[in-house]
Amino acid sequence: MSNGPLATVVVGGLITSTLLTLVVLPSVYQWFASERRDVSV
């Protein structure tokens, strides 16, 4: 039994989660911060 496909899925998941953490989360945080800044508390 070969673990080739499993290794591909694991590496792909690591790359995807890293990109999500480094790119998507900061942009979403900035978007929410700018939205909250417009609302006067």
N, C-alpha and C. Protein backbone atom coordinates (compact mmCIF):
# COMPACT_ATOMS: atom_id res chain seq x y z
N MET A 1 0.84 -1.20 0.00
CA MET A 1 0.00 0.00 0.00
C MET A 1 0.88 1.25 0.00
N SER A 2 0.62 2.15 -0.94
CA SER A 2 1.45 3.35 -1.10
C SER A 2 0.80 4.55 -0.43
N ASN A 3 1.63 5.41 0.16
CA ASN A 3 1.14 6.61 0.82
C ASN A 3 1.32 7.85 -0.03
N GLY A 4 1.50 7.70 -1.33
CA GLY A 4 1.70 8.84 -2.21
C GLY A 4 0.54 9.81 -2.22
N PRO A 5 -0.68 9.34 -2.50
CA PRO A 5 -1.82 10.27 -2.51
C PRO A 5 -2.06 10.93 -1.15
N LEU A 6 -1.87 10.19 -0.08
CA LEU A 6 -2.06 10.77 1.25
C LEU A 6 -1.04 11.88 1.49
N ALA A 7 0.19 11.67 1.07
CA ALA A 7 1.22 12.71 1.24
C ALA A 7 0.86 13.96 0.44
N THR A 8 0.31 13.77 -0.75
CA THR A 8 -0.09 14.92 -1.56
C THR A 8 -1.19 15.71 -0.87
N VAL A 9 -2.15 15.02 -0.30
CA VAL A 9 -3.25 15.70 0.39
C VAL A 9 -2.74 16.44 1.62
N VAL A 10 -1.82 15.83 2.36
CA VAL A 10 -1.29 16.47 3.57
C VAL A 10 -0.50 17.73 3.21
N VAL A 11 0.37 17.63 2.20
CA VAL A 11 1.16 18.79 1.80
C VAL A 11 0.25 19.89 1.25
N GLY A 12 -0.73 19.50 0.46
CA GLY A 12 -1.68 20.49 -0.07
C GLY A 12 -2.44 21.19 1.05
N GLY A 13 -2.85 20.44 2.06
CA GLY A 13 -3.55 21.04 3.19
C GLY A 13 -2.66 21.99 3.98
N LEU A 14 -1.40 21.63 4.15
CA LEU A 14 -0.47 22.53 4.86
C LEU A 14 -0.28 23.83 4.10
N ILE A 15 -0.10 23.72 2.79
CA ILE A 15 0.10 24.93 1.98
C ILE A 15 -1.15 25.79 2.00
N THR A 16 -2.33 25.16 1.89
CA THR A 16 -3.58 25.92 1.88
C THR A 16 -3.79 26.62 3.21
N SER A 17 -3.57 25.92 4.33
CA SER A 17 -3.78 26.54 5.63
C SER A 17 -2.77 27.67 5.88
N THR A 18 -1.54 27.49 5.39
CA THR A 18 -0.54 28.55 5.54
C THR A 18 -0.95 29.79 4.75
N LEU A 19 -1.39 29.60 3.52
CA LEU A 19 -1.83 30.75 2.72
C LEU A 19 -3.05 31.41 3.35
N LEU A 20 -3.98 30.61 3.88
CA LEU A 20 -5.14 31.20 4.54
C LEU A 20 -4.70 32.05 5.72
N THR A 21 -3.77 31.54 6.52
CA THR A 21 -3.34 32.27 7.71
C THR A 21 -2.60 33.54 7.34
N LEU A 22 -1.74 33.50 6.32
CA LEU A 22 -0.89 34.64 6.00
C LEU A 22 -1.58 35.68 5.12
N VAL A 23 -2.56 35.28 4.30
CA VAL A 23 -3.14 36.19 3.33
C VAL A 23 -4.58 36.53 3.66
N VAL A 24 -5.41 35.51 3.87
CA VAL A 24 -6.85 35.73 4.00
C VAL A 24 -7.19 36.34 5.35
N LEU A 25 -6.63 35.80 6.43
CA LEU A 25 -6.98 36.32 7.76
C LEU A 25 -6.61 37.78 7.95
N PRO A 26 -5.40 38.25 7.57
CA PRO A 26 -5.12 39.68 7.72
C PRO A 26 -6.05 40.56 6.90
N SER A 27 -6.40 40.15 5.68
CA SER A 27 -7.29 40.98 4.87
C SER A 27 -8.69 41.02 5.48
N VAL A 28 -9.17 39.89 5.99
CA VAL A 28 -10.48 39.87 6.65
C VAL A 28 -10.45 40.72 7.91
N TYR A 29 -9.35 40.66 8.65
CA TYR A 29 -9.23 41.47 9.87
C TYR A 29 -9.24 42.96 9.53
N GLN A 30 -8.50 43.35 8.49
CA GLN A 30 -8.50 44.76 8.08
C GLN A 30 -9.89 45.19 7.64
N TRP A 31 -10.61 44.31 6.94
CA TRP A 31 -11.95 44.65 6.48
C TRP A 31 -12.87 44.87 7.66
N PHE A 32 -12.81 43.97 8.66
CA PHE A 32 -13.65 44.14 9.84
C PHE A 32 -13.24 45.36 10.65
N ALA A 33 -11.94 45.66 10.72
CA ALA A 33 -11.48 46.82 11.47
C ALA A 33 -11.97 48.11 10.80
N SER A 34 -11.94 48.17 9.49
CA SER A 34 -12.41 49.37 8.80
C SER A 34 -13.93 49.49 8.92
N GLU A 35 -14.64 48.37 8.90
CA GLU A 35 -16.10 48.41 9.09
C GLU A 35 -16.44 48.93 10.47
N ARG A 36 -15.70 48.48 11.48
CA ARG A 36 -16.01 48.87 12.85
C ARG A 36 -15.65 50.34 13.09
N ARG A 37 -14.62 50.83 12.36
CA ARG A 37 -14.20 52.21 12.54
C ARG A 37 -15.27 53.19 12.04
N ASP A 38 -16.03 52.77 11.01
CA ASP A 38 -17.06 53.65 10.46
C ASP A 38 -18.24 53.80 11.40
N VAL A 39 -18.49 52.82 12.23
CA VAL A 39 -19.63 52.85 13.15
C VAL A 39 -19.24 53.63 14.39
N SER A 40 -19.99 54.68 14.69
CA SER A 40 -19.69 55.48 15.89
C SER A 40 -20.31 54.81 17.10
N VAL A 41 -19.50 54.58 18.12
CA VAL A 41 -19.98 53.89 19.31
C VAL A 41 -20.40 54.93 20.33
